[in-house]
Structures are given as structure tokens and as C-alpha cells.
Amino acid sequence: MSDVVLETRNLTKNFRRRRAVDDLSLRVFDGDIYGFLGPNGAGKSTTIRMLVGLIRPRRGSALLFGTNVQADRTRALKQVGALVESPTFYKYLSARENLKLFARLSGGCSEKRIDEALDVVGLLDRGRDKVKTFSHGMLQRLGIAQALLPNPKLVILDEPTSGLDPQGMKDVRELIVGLARDQKMTIFLSSHLLYEVEQICSRVGIINQGRLIAEGNVAQLLRDEVELVEFKVGDGVRAAKVFDSFPEVELLDCLGDSLSVRMPSDRVPELNRALVKANVDVYAVFPKTTSLEDFFLDLIREGGSADKAGD
């Protein structure tokens, strides 16, 4: 097993009577692109603020490279870069001047490192331009450049594509993949965009109402799910009656003679034979790959349980 880079142990945070994060335990390994996924208000930003020491947990702990953030924040964050919520810059300063200022506040860095950070995010040729001329997507990339200034081994990003147009989202996704692949960085990113997480993340933790309801390798989580299958038949009403005789088959949708079901994939041939035996013409059978969105929505509907977690 790879080294644990980020870990939370029973992390809990209350705001007055509301529990924002509830007994959260998760692990991020060296080399992961880890998607911290959940709907708006699930507790993602609160968790990240505890990870970087901006707020204190009610109980539990957050560890970065084995160091407890609450006990020794400086040491814990030594190899960490973070973009927490929307980046804020001085509009009448250039991108380079903004980065110099932020670097000075955190101990400073060389001109060469500022050039490297701007280059990685594709802004080296705009480094002397005033930030007021930047698009929202460029500001997001400049925020990531700021996170890269300490040459971190772990980068924590809070909703990095928030508010971007499709092209801007694509640019940031490609940048994140490049950081992991080319710069050998571990990435922890929060998002409520399931499609985004499924595209770029190797592992995922799903949070709802402050609680972790699933964690594991993305491909493994989806592969373990029951398969979705669409049947094109000659008589939808008669086919639905055949489906009723199979307890493990759940009819999800019936649009005329097109029926979508959830069922174990190894039972598809038997169900097909039963349809034919009942004189139902079967024109096509389409297995559907379970998406992260399907998995996530099923967990939310079922009330979700960390028992579904796995690696």
C-alpha cells in the first residue's frame, strides 16, 4: 500500500447546533487524484478548512504527512499547497506581483519558482499583465499557481472549476491531471460535479450531510454495482410482467416498448430466455455502464453507509 499523505480520524465540526462534519475518517495515498465529492452544503469546504488549519475541529484530527495539523500547523503544511474557495487577488497588480506578495507572506520564494508556477498553469506569457484583465478561468489558474509556489507534494483544491465555462473547466481538469502525472503531486480536490470527478480522479470519497458514505477506487466502486440494462421489446406490458417474476430485477423505467432495469449482469441471458418463452419479441439488449452519478444518487436515496466503502 502506498504511503498515506492525508488522513482524517473521526473529524467532527459543529456550527452552533448544526453538525457540518460528522465523524469523518478518510485516507489519501501518495499519487492519488482524490475526489472529495458531495452536494453543496455537504461539509466539503468545512473539511478543507480544518485540513489547512483555518478552523479547529470539535473533535478528531487531521494529519498531513503524519503530522497533526492542530498540533503543529507549520510542519503539517510544509509540503502542502492549497486553494481554498475562490482565489482573491489585487486587481491592479500583475499576476507576477500578486504571486510575489503572497510568497512573501508565507516565507518567500525565488523568481525562478514564480516563473515555474506560472508556466505550469499556462500563464507565463501573461505574468506581467494586470489581474483585472484576466478571465475567471485565468484567475482560477493563477490561484492554482499560488498553491504551487512552495513546490508542494500535496495540493488541496476546493471546487477548482467553480463558475467556469466548459472550456475553462476542461483547461483546469487537464491542468490537474498534468500536476499528478508530470509534477508527481498528490491531488485532493472537492467537487459537487460528478462527471468531473469520474473523468479525472483515481479514488473518491463521497460525503453527505457531513458523513462519509463511500470511499474507494472509482473503477472498483462502479464495477461492484449491479448492472443497468435496457431491453427493446415487442410488448412492454407483457415484458414487465416477466420482470416481476425475477425478484432481483428492478424495473426502473418503462417508455413504451423500451424498459430499463437494474439487475445482476449474470442473470441477463436467463431473463432474455424467459421473455422469449413468454412470446415477447426481444429486439435488443443494451447493457449500460453504471456512472458515478448513478452510484452517488443511489447512495443518497438509500441514506448511504460507509459500509459501502472499499479500495
Protein backbone atom coordinates (compact mmCIF):
# COMPACT_ATOMS: atom_id res chain seq x y z
CA MET A 1 0.00 0.00 0.00
CA SER A 2 1.25 3.49 -0.86
CA ASP A 3 2.15 5.97 1.86
CA VAL A 4 -0.73 7.86 3.46
CA VAL A 5 -0.36 11.55 2.59
CA LEU A 6 -3.59 12.91 4.08
CA GLU A 7 -5.77 11.36 6.75
CA THR A 8 -8.70 12.40 8.90
CA ARG A 9 -9.65 10.48 12.02
CA ASN A 10 -13.18 10.96 13.37
CA LEU A 11 -13.07 14.60 12.29
CA THR A 12 -16.11 16.47 13.60
CA LYS A 13 -17.18 20.12 13.44
CA ASN A 14 -20.30 21.87 14.74
CA PHE A 15 -21.57 25.36 14.00
CA ARG A 16 -23.86 26.03 16.95
CA ARG A 17 -26.46 23.25 16.77
CA ARG A 18 -25.67 22.18 13.22
CA ARG A 19 -23.13 19.40 12.68
CA ALA A 20 -21.28 20.29 9.48
CA VAL A 21 -18.79 17.40 9.56
CA ASP A 22 -19.66 14.21 11.41
CA ASP A 23 -17.06 11.64 12.49
CA LEU A 24 -15.21 11.81 9.16
CA SER A 25 -12.39 9.30 8.59
CA LEU A 26 -10.71 9.08 5.18
CA ARG A 27 -7.26 8.47 3.69
CA VAL A 28 -5.45 9.82 0.64
CA PHE A 29 -2.42 7.93 -0.66
CA ASP A 30 0.71 9.14 -2.42
CA GLY A 31 -0.03 9.67 -6.11
CA ASP A 32 -3.82 9.83 -5.76
CA ILE A 33 -6.07 12.25 -7.55
CA TYR A 34 -8.68 12.03 -4.81
CA GLY A 35 -12.14 13.42 -5.46
CA PHE A 36 -13.94 14.64 -2.34
CA LEU A 37 -17.46 14.52 -3.66
CA GLY A 38 -20.76 15.72 -2.27
CA PRO A 39 -23.69 18.06 -2.87
CA ASN A 40 -23.49 21.73 -1.93
CA GLY A 41 -23.64 22.04 1.86
CA ALA A 42 -22.37 18.51 2.47
CA GLY A 43 -19.38 19.67 4.52
CA LYS A 44 -16.62 19.68 1.88
CA SER A 45 -15.35 23.24 2.40
CA THR A 46 -15.56 22.92 6.19
CA THR A 47 -13.42 19.78 6.00
CA ILE A 48 -10.84 21.52 3.81
CA ARG A 49 -10.68 24.49 6.16
CA MET A 50 -9.90 22.07 9.00
CA LEU A 51 -7.29 20.31 6.85
CA VAL A 52 -5.34 23.54 6.34
CA GLY A 53 -5.80 24.76 9.91
CA LEU A 54 -8.15 27.68 9.24
CA ILE A 55 -10.72 26.35 11.72
CA ARG A 56 -10.42 23.88 14.57
CA PRO A 57 -12.40 20.65 14.79
CA ARG A 58 -14.71 19.98 17.70
CA ARG A 59 -13.04 16.59 17.97
CA GLY A 60 -10.95 14.22 15.89
CA SER A 61 -7.82 15.05 13.95
CA ALA A 62 -6.47 15.89 10.50
CA LEU A 63 -2.99 14.65 9.59
CA LEU A 64 -0.83 15.71 6.65
CA PHE A 65 2.25 13.57 6.06
CA GLY A 66 1.70 12.10 9.51
CA THR A 67 1.66 15.45 11.34
CA ASN A 68 -1.41 16.60 13.22
CA VAL A 69 -2.49 19.95 11.76
CA GLN A 70 -3.92 21.17 15.05
CA ALA A 71 -0.76 20.29 17.00
CA ASP A 72 1.82 21.65 14.53
CA ARG A 73 0.25 23.53 11.62
CA THR A 74 3.53 24.89 10.22
CA ARG A 75 5.16 21.48 9.96
CA ALA A 76 1.98 19.79 8.67
CA LEU A 77 1.59 22.31 5.83
CA LYS A 78 5.26 22.43 4.86
CA GLN A 79 4.75 20.22 1.78
CA VAL A 80 1.21 21.38 1.03
CA GLY A 81 -0.26 23.91 -1.40
CA ALA A 82 -3.92 24.87 -1.16
CA LEU A 83 -6.60 26.81 -2.99
CA VAL A 84 -9.48 27.29 -0.55
CA GLU A 85 -12.68 28.65 -2.09
CA SER A 86 -12.39 31.38 -4.77
CA PRO A 87 -8.93 32.97 -5.18
CA THR A 88 -8.69 36.68 -4.38
CA PHE A 89 -6.03 38.91 -5.92
CA TYR A 90 -5.14 42.61 -6.11
CA LYS A 91 -6.64 43.62 -9.46
CA TYR A 92 -4.26 46.49 -10.19
CA LEU A 93 -1.15 44.38 -9.63
CA SER A 94 0.22 41.99 -12.22
CA ALA A 95 -0.02 38.23 -11.86
CA ARG A 96 3.69 38.09 -11.02
CA GLU A 97 3.40 40.88 -8.44
CA ASN A 98 0.48 39.12 -6.77
CA LEU A 99 2.45 35.88 -6.53
CA LYS A 100 5.48 37.72 -5.12
CA LEU A 101 3.28 39.30 -2.47
CA PHE A 102 1.67 36.03 -1.43
CA ALA A 103 5.05 34.28 -1.43
CA ARG A 104 6.46 36.98 0.84
CA LEU A 105 3.62 36.43 3.32
CA SER A 106 4.47 32.72 3.55
CA GLY A 107 8.24 32.92 3.75
CA GLY A 108 9.14 33.91 0.21
CA CYS A 109 10.30 32.04 -2.88
CA SER A 110 12.63 32.65 -5.81
CA GLU A 111 11.79 34.41 -9.08
CA LYS A 112 12.55 31.13 -10.80
CA ARG A 113 9.87 29.34 -8.76
CA ILE A 114 7.31 32.03 -9.65
CA ASP A 115 8.18 31.54 -13.34
CA GLU A 116 7.84 27.76 -12.94
CA ALA A 117 4.43 28.08 -11.26
CA LEU A 118 3.16 30.46 -13.95
CA ASP A 119 4.49 28.18 -16.66
CA VAL A 120 2.81 25.08 -15.23
CA VAL A 121 -0.61 26.78 -15.27
CA GLY A 122 -0.06 28.29 -18.73
CA LEU A 123 0.22 31.93 -17.64
CA LEU A 124 3.93 32.64 -18.07
CA ASP A 125 3.30 34.94 -21.06
CA ARG A 126 0.66 36.86 -19.07
CA GLY A 127 2.73 37.22 -15.90
CA ARG A 128 3.24 40.98 -16.30
CA ASP A 129 -0.40 41.71 -17.16
CA LYS A 130 -2.67 43.24 -14.53
CA VAL A 131 -5.02 40.76 -12.92
CA LYS A 132 -8.02 42.99 -13.75
CA THR A 133 -7.62 41.87 -17.39
CA PHE A 134 -7.89 38.16 -16.51
CA SER A 135 -10.91 35.98 -17.22
CA HIS A 136 -12.43 33.89 -14.44
CA GLY A 137 -10.67 30.81 -15.80
CA MET A 138 -7.32 32.59 -15.75
CA LEU A 139 -7.94 33.67 -12.16
CA GLN A 140 -8.59 30.05 -11.19
CA ARG A 141 -5.33 29.01 -12.83
CA LEU A 142 -3.50 31.86 -11.08
CA GLY A 143 -4.95 30.58 -7.80
CA ILE A 144 -3.51 27.15 -8.56
CA ALA A 145 -0.16 28.81 -9.39
CA GLN A 146 -0.25 30.39 -5.93
CA ALA A 147 -0.82 26.94 -4.41
CA LEU A 148 2.20 25.63 -6.35
CA LEU A 149 4.66 28.25 -5.10
CA PRO A 150 6.05 26.10 -2.23
CA ASN A 151 6.65 23.25 -4.73
CA PRO A 152 4.29 21.02 -2.72
CA LYS A 153 3.91 17.26 -2.72
CA LEU A 154 0.19 17.59 -1.91
CA VAL A 155 -2.19 20.11 -3.50
CA ILE A 156 -5.61 20.73 -1.92
CA LEU A 157 -8.18 22.35 -4.21
CA ASP A 158 -11.65 23.46 -3.14
CA GLU A 159 -14.09 23.40 -6.10
CA PRO A 160 -11.35 24.38 -8.61
CA THR A 161 -13.73 24.59 -11.61
CA SER A 162 -16.48 26.53 -9.83
CA GLY A 163 -18.13 29.11 -12.10
CA LEU A 164 -16.08 28.25 -15.17
CA ASP A 165 -17.42 27.84 -18.70
CA PRO A 166 -16.96 24.40 -20.36
CA GLN A 167 -13.61 25.34 -21.92
CA GLY A 168 -12.32 26.73 -18.63
CA MET A 169 -13.40 23.57 -16.82
CA LYS A 170 -11.61 21.43 -19.40
CA ASP A 171 -8.43 23.52 -19.05
CA VAL A 172 -8.40 23.17 -15.25
CA ARG A 173 -9.12 19.42 -15.42
CA GLU A 174 -6.20 18.93 -17.81
CA LEU A 175 -4.01 21.04 -15.53
CA ILE A 176 -4.88 18.88 -12.51
CA VAL A 177 -4.12 15.66 -14.40
CA GLY A 178 -0.82 17.18 -15.54
CA LEU A 179 0.17 18.09 -11.97
CA ALA A 180 -0.29 14.47 -10.90
CA ARG A 181 1.31 12.94 -13.98
CA ASP A 182 4.17 15.35 -14.74
CA GLN A 183 4.86 17.03 -11.40
CA LYS A 184 4.25 13.82 -9.36
CA MET A 185 1.92 15.64 -6.99
CA THR A 186 -0.90 14.12 -4.95
CA ILE A 187 -4.17 15.99 -5.53
CA PHE A 188 -7.10 16.31 -3.14
CA LEU A 189 -9.97 18.16 -4.77
CA SER A 190 -13.51 18.81 -3.63
CA SER A 191 -16.34 18.98 -6.14
CA HIS A 192 -20.09 18.60 -6.48
CA LEU A 193 -19.68 17.79 -10.20
CA LEU A 194 -19.89 14.02 -10.52
CA TYR A 195 -18.88 13.94 -14.18
CA GLU A 196 -15.75 15.94 -13.41
CA VAL A 197 -14.67 13.62 -10.60
CA GLU A 198 -15.34 10.49 -12.66
CA GLN A 199 -13.20 11.86 -15.51
CA ILE A 200 -10.02 12.65 -13.60
CA CYS A 201 -9.98 11.02 -10.16
CA SER A 202 -8.42 7.67 -9.27
CA ARG A 203 -10.08 7.47 -5.84
CA VAL A 204 -13.13 9.14 -4.37
CA GLY A 205 -14.72 9.84 -1.01
CA ILE A 206 -18.44 10.64 -1.08
CA ILE A 207 -19.81 12.83 1.72
CA ASN A 208 -23.42 13.69 2.51
CA GLN A 209 -24.69 15.69 5.48
CA GLY A 210 -21.18 15.69 6.90
CA ARG A 211 -20.76 11.90 6.87
CA LEU A 212 -18.59 9.74 4.62
CA ILE A 213 -20.93 7.31 2.85
CA ALA A 214 -18.47 5.65 0.45
CA GLU A 215 -14.75 5.68 -0.28
CA GLY A 216 -12.58 3.76 -2.69
CA ASN A 217 -11.17 3.28 -6.15
CA VAL A 218 -13.58 4.80 -8.69
CA ALA A 219 -13.44 1.91 -11.15
CA GLN A 220 -13.88 -0.68 -8.39
CA LEU A 221 -16.84 1.12 -6.83
CA LEU A 222 -18.63 1.21 -10.18
CA ARG A 223 -17.65 -2.34 -11.18
CA ASP A 224 -19.16 -3.71 -7.96
CA GLU A 225 -22.52 -2.14 -8.71
CA VAL A 226 -25.46 -4.05 -10.13
CA GLU A 227 -25.70 -3.50 -13.87
CA LEU A 228 -28.25 -1.32 -15.64
CA VAL A 229 -29.77 -2.94 -18.74
CA GLU A 230 -32.18 -1.62 -21.36
CA PHE A 231 -34.47 -4.02 -23.24
CA LYS A 232 -36.17 -3.17 -26.53
CA VAL A 233 -39.18 -5.50 -26.80
CA GLY A 234 -42.33 -6.05 -28.82
CA ASP A 235 -44.72 -5.82 -25.86
CA GLY A 236 -43.69 -3.70 -22.90
CA VAL A 237 -46.65 -4.63 -20.71
CA ARG A 238 -46.06 -8.37 -21.07
CA ALA A 239 -42.31 -7.92 -20.58
CA ALA A 240 -42.92 -6.03 -17.31
CA LYS A 241 -44.93 -9.00 -16.03
CA VAL A 242 -41.99 -11.32 -16.83
CA PHE A 243 -39.64 -8.97 -14.95
CA ASP A 244 -41.94 -9.19 -11.91
CA SER A 245 -41.19 -12.92 -11.66
CA PHE A 246 -37.48 -12.17 -11.07
CA PRO A 247 -37.04 -10.79 -7.51
CA GLU A 248 -33.53 -9.48 -8.25
CA VAL A 249 -34.75 -7.44 -11.24
CA GLU A 250 -35.84 -3.86 -10.52
CA LEU A 251 -37.82 -2.11 -13.25
CA LEU A 252 -36.61 1.49 -13.33
CA ASP A 253 -38.32 2.95 -16.36
CA CYS A 254 -40.85 1.88 -18.98
CA LEU A 255 -41.25 4.08 -22.06
CA GLY A 256 -43.48 2.20 -24.46
CA ASP A 257 -41.56 -0.88 -25.51
CA SER A 258 -38.23 0.30 -24.04
CA LEU A 259 -37.65 -0.90 -20.46
CA SER A 260 -34.70 -0.09 -18.21
CA VAL A 261 -33.90 -2.45 -15.34
CA ARG A 262 -31.31 -2.87 -12.63
CA MET A 263 -30.14 -6.46 -12.23
CA PRO A 264 -27.10 -8.72 -11.77
CA SER A 265 -25.34 -8.96 -15.14
CA ASP A 266 -25.08 -12.76 -14.96
CA ARG A 267 -28.89 -13.06 -14.99
CA VAL A 268 -29.38 -11.23 -18.32
CA PRO A 269 -29.30 -14.40 -20.51
CA GLU A 270 -31.85 -16.14 -18.26
CA LEU A 271 -34.17 -13.12 -18.33
CA ASN A 272 -33.86 -12.93 -22.09
CA ARG A 273 -34.85 -16.62 -22.40
CA ALA A 274 -37.83 -16.03 -20.11
CA LEU A 275 -39.05 -13.18 -22.31
CA VAL A 276 -38.81 -15.32 -25.44
CA LYS A 277 -40.59 -18.20 -23.67
CA ALA A 278 -43.43 -15.78 -22.80
CA ASN A 279 -43.73 -14.91 -26.51
CA VAL A 280 -42.22 -11.45 -26.03
CA ASP A 281 -40.14 -10.41 -29.02
CA VAL A 282 -36.73 -9.09 -27.89
CA TYR A 283 -35.20 -6.74 -30.44
CA ALA A 284 -32.18 -5.53 -28.48
CA VAL A 285 -30.46 -5.69 -25.09
CA PHE A 286 -28.21 -2.78 -24.14
CA PRO A 287 -26.02 -3.08 -21.03
CA LYS A 288 -25.46 0.34 -19.51
CA THR A 289 -22.28 1.22 -17.64
CA THR A 290 -23.03 2.48 -14.15
CA SER A 291 -21.84 6.07 -13.83
CA LEU A 292 -20.55 7.76 -10.71
CA GLU A 293 -23.71 9.87 -10.83
CA ASP A 294 -25.90 6.72 -10.68
CA PHE A 295 -23.82 5.36 -7.80
CA PHE A 296 -23.92 8.66 -5.91
CA LEU A 297 -27.66 9.20 -6.32
CA ASP A 298 -28.38 5.63 -5.24
CA LEU A 299 -26.36 6.18 -2.06
CA ILE A 300 -28.16 9.43 -1.30
CA ARG A 301 -31.57 7.84 -1.86
CA GLU A 302 -30.68 4.88 0.36
CA GLY A 303 -29.33 7.08 3.12
CA GLY A 304 -25.79 5.92 2.31
CA SER A 305 -23.47 3.96 4.55
CA ALA A 306 -19.72 3.83 4.93
CA ASP A 307 -20.20 0.06 4.80
CA LYS A 308 -20.17 0.55 1.03
CA ALA A 309 -16.62 1.82 1.19
CA GLY A 310 -13.82 -0.15 -0.37
CA ASP A 311 -10.42 0.07 -2.10
